[in-house]
Amino acid sequence: MNAPSAKQLGAAVATVAAVAEAIRGLGQVPSGELYANVCGTLSLQQYEQIIALLKRADLVSESGHMLSWVGPKL
């Protein structure tokens, strides 16, 4: 398996940032509704990995299927 290129890493970081910003901007959003808006761009597996990453970073919490921003207020 080849290491990702700088361009691929940049795109991945931008994608995670965009999902985080969507949740932050809304305050809270049903996970299914958010996925429905990105499913043309991300696979379900990619989406779930991003949400898990944001939860591990203590930026997002999930209760039921509701995602809530718990990170810093900007």
C-alpha atoms as a PDB file:
ATOM      1  CA  MET A   1       0.000   0.000   0.000  1.00  0.00           C
ATOM      2  CA  ASN A   2       1.406   3.372  -1.013  1.00  0.00           C
ATOM      3  CA  ALA A   3       1.555   6.285   1.381  1.00  0.00           C
ATOM      4  CA  PRO A   4      -0.945   9.030   0.556  1.00  0.00           C
ATOM      5  CA  SER A   5       0.368  11.999  -1.369  1.00  0.00           C
ATOM      6  CA  ALA A   6       0.429  15.510   0.044  1.00  0.00           C
ATOM      7  CA  LYS A   7      -2.521  16.345  -2.212  1.00  0.00           C
ATOM      8  CA  GLN A   8      -4.527  13.385  -0.893  1.00  0.00           C
ATOM      9  CA  LEU A   9      -3.728  14.316   2.703  1.00  0.00           C
ATOM     10  CA  GLY A  10      -4.761  17.899   2.067  1.00  0.00           C
ATOM     11  CA  ALA A  11      -8.051  16.749   0.570  1.00  0.00           C
ATOM     12  CA  ALA A  12      -8.710  14.456   3.541  1.00  0.00           C
ATOM     13  CA  VAL A  13      -8.047  17.247   6.047  1.00  0.00           C
ATOM     14  CA  ALA A  14     -10.285  19.627   4.078  1.00  0.00           C
ATOM     15  CA  THR A  15     -13.081  17.029   4.027  1.00  0.00           C
ATOM     16  CA  VAL A  16     -12.893  16.448   7.789  1.00  0.00           C
ATOM     17  CA  ALA A  17     -12.843  20.217   8.347  1.00  0.00           C
ATOM     18  CA  ALA A  18     -15.898  20.687   6.116  1.00  0.00           C
ATOM     19  CA  VAL A  19     -17.918  18.057   7.993  1.00  0.00           C
ATOM     20  CA  ALA A  20     -16.831  19.542  11.328  1.00  0.00           C
ATOM     21  CA  GLU A  21     -17.775  23.037  10.165  1.00  0.00           C
ATOM     22  CA  ALA A  22     -21.202  21.839   9.027  1.00  0.00           C
ATOM     23  CA  ILE A  23     -21.911  20.374  12.459  1.00  0.00           C
ATOM     24  CA  ARG A  24     -20.471  23.421  14.243  1.00  0.00           C
ATOM     25  CA  GLY A  25     -22.494  25.814  12.133  1.00  0.00           C
ATOM     26  CA  LEU A  26     -25.736  23.941  12.755  1.00  0.00           C
ATOM     27  CA  GLY A  27     -25.043  23.266  16.421  1.00  0.00           C
ATOM     28  CA  GLN A  28     -26.704  19.884  16.082  1.00  0.00           C
ATOM     29  CA  VAL A  29     -27.928  17.784  13.189  1.00  0.00           C
ATOM     30  CA  PRO A  30     -29.317  14.275  12.722  1.00  0.00           C
ATOM     31  CA  SER A  31     -26.499  12.074  11.454  1.00  0.00           C
ATOM     32  CA  GLY A  32     -28.635  10.615   8.663  1.00  0.00           C
ATOM     33  CA  GLU A  33     -29.557  14.072   7.414  1.00  0.00           C
ATOM     34  CA  LEU A  34     -25.905  15.113   7.335  1.00  0.00           C
ATOM     35  CA  TYR A  35     -24.894  11.907   5.557  1.00  0.00           C
ATOM     36  CA  ALA A  36     -27.665  12.421   2.988  1.00  0.00           C
ATOM     37  CA  ASN A  37     -26.012  15.724   2.110  1.00  0.00           C
ATOM     38  CA  VAL A  38     -22.542  14.229   1.633  1.00  0.00           C
ATOM     39  CA  CYS A  39     -23.335  10.745   0.288  1.00  0.00           C
ATOM     40  CA  GLY A  40     -22.519  11.809  -3.267  1.00  0.00           C
ATOM     41  CA  THR A  41     -19.013  12.685  -2.107  1.00  0.00           C
ATOM     42  CA  LEU A  42     -18.278  10.272   0.746  1.00  0.00           C
ATOM     43  CA  SER A  43     -18.962   6.591   1.179  1.00  0.00           C
ATOM     44  CA  LEU A  44     -20.793   5.538   4.332  1.00  0.00           C
ATOM     45  CA  GLN A  45     -17.535   4.093   5.652  1.00  0.00           C
ATOM     46  CA  GLN A  46     -15.667   7.360   5.073  1.00  0.00           C
ATOM     47  CA  TYR A  47     -18.473   9.344   6.706  1.00  0.00           C
ATOM     48  CA  GLU A  48     -18.504   7.058   9.752  1.00  0.00           C
ATOM     49  CA  GLN A  49     -14.704   7.338  10.055  1.00  0.00           C
ATOM     50  CA  ILE A  50     -14.910  11.141  10.010  1.00  0.00           C
ATOM     51  CA  ILE A  51     -17.652  11.200  12.659  1.00  0.00           C
ATOM     52  CA  ALA A  52     -15.643   8.771  14.823  1.00  0.00           C
ATOM     53  CA  LEU A  53     -12.565  10.990  14.457  1.00  0.00           C
ATOM     54  CA  LEU A  54     -14.522  14.103  15.481  1.00  0.00           C
ATOM     55  CA  LYS A  55     -15.979  12.258  18.470  1.00  0.00           C
ATOM     56  CA  ARG A  56     -12.535  11.012  19.595  1.00  0.00           C
ATOM     57  CA  ALA A  57     -11.262  14.585  19.330  1.00  0.00           C
ATOM     58  CA  ASP A  58     -14.098  15.699  21.659  1.00  0.00           C
ATOM     59  CA  LEU A  59     -15.439  18.082  19.036  1.00  0.00           C
ATOM     60  CA  VAL A  60     -18.721  16.240  18.443  1.00  0.00           C
ATOM     61  CA  SER A  61     -20.981  14.143  20.651  1.00  0.00           C
ATOM     62  CA  GLU A  62     -23.642  11.726  19.498  1.00  0.00           C
ATOM     63  CA  SER A  63     -26.832  10.898  21.351  1.00  0.00           C
ATOM     64  CA  GLY A  64     -29.076   8.510  19.488  1.00  0.00           C
ATOM     65  CA  HIS A  65     -28.530   9.714  15.944  1.00  0.00           C
ATOM     66  CA  MET A  66     -28.159  13.398  16.833  1.00  0.00           C
ATOM     67  CA  LEU A  67     -24.707  14.903  16.332  1.00  0.00           C
ATOM     68  CA  SER A  68     -23.945  17.929  18.500  1.00  0.00           C
ATOM     69  CA  TRP A  69     -20.989  20.298  18.403  1.00  0.00           C
ATOM     70  CA  VAL A  70     -19.205  20.298  21.765  1.00  0.00           C
ATOM     71  CA  GLY A  71     -15.920  21.783  20.575  1.00  0.00           C
ATOM     72  CA  PRO A  72     -14.824  25.357  21.088  1.00  0.00           C
ATOM     73  CA  LYS A  73     -17.178  28.155  20.158  1.00  0.00           C
ATOM     74  CA  LEU A  74     -15.575  30.276  17.461  1.00  0.00           C
END
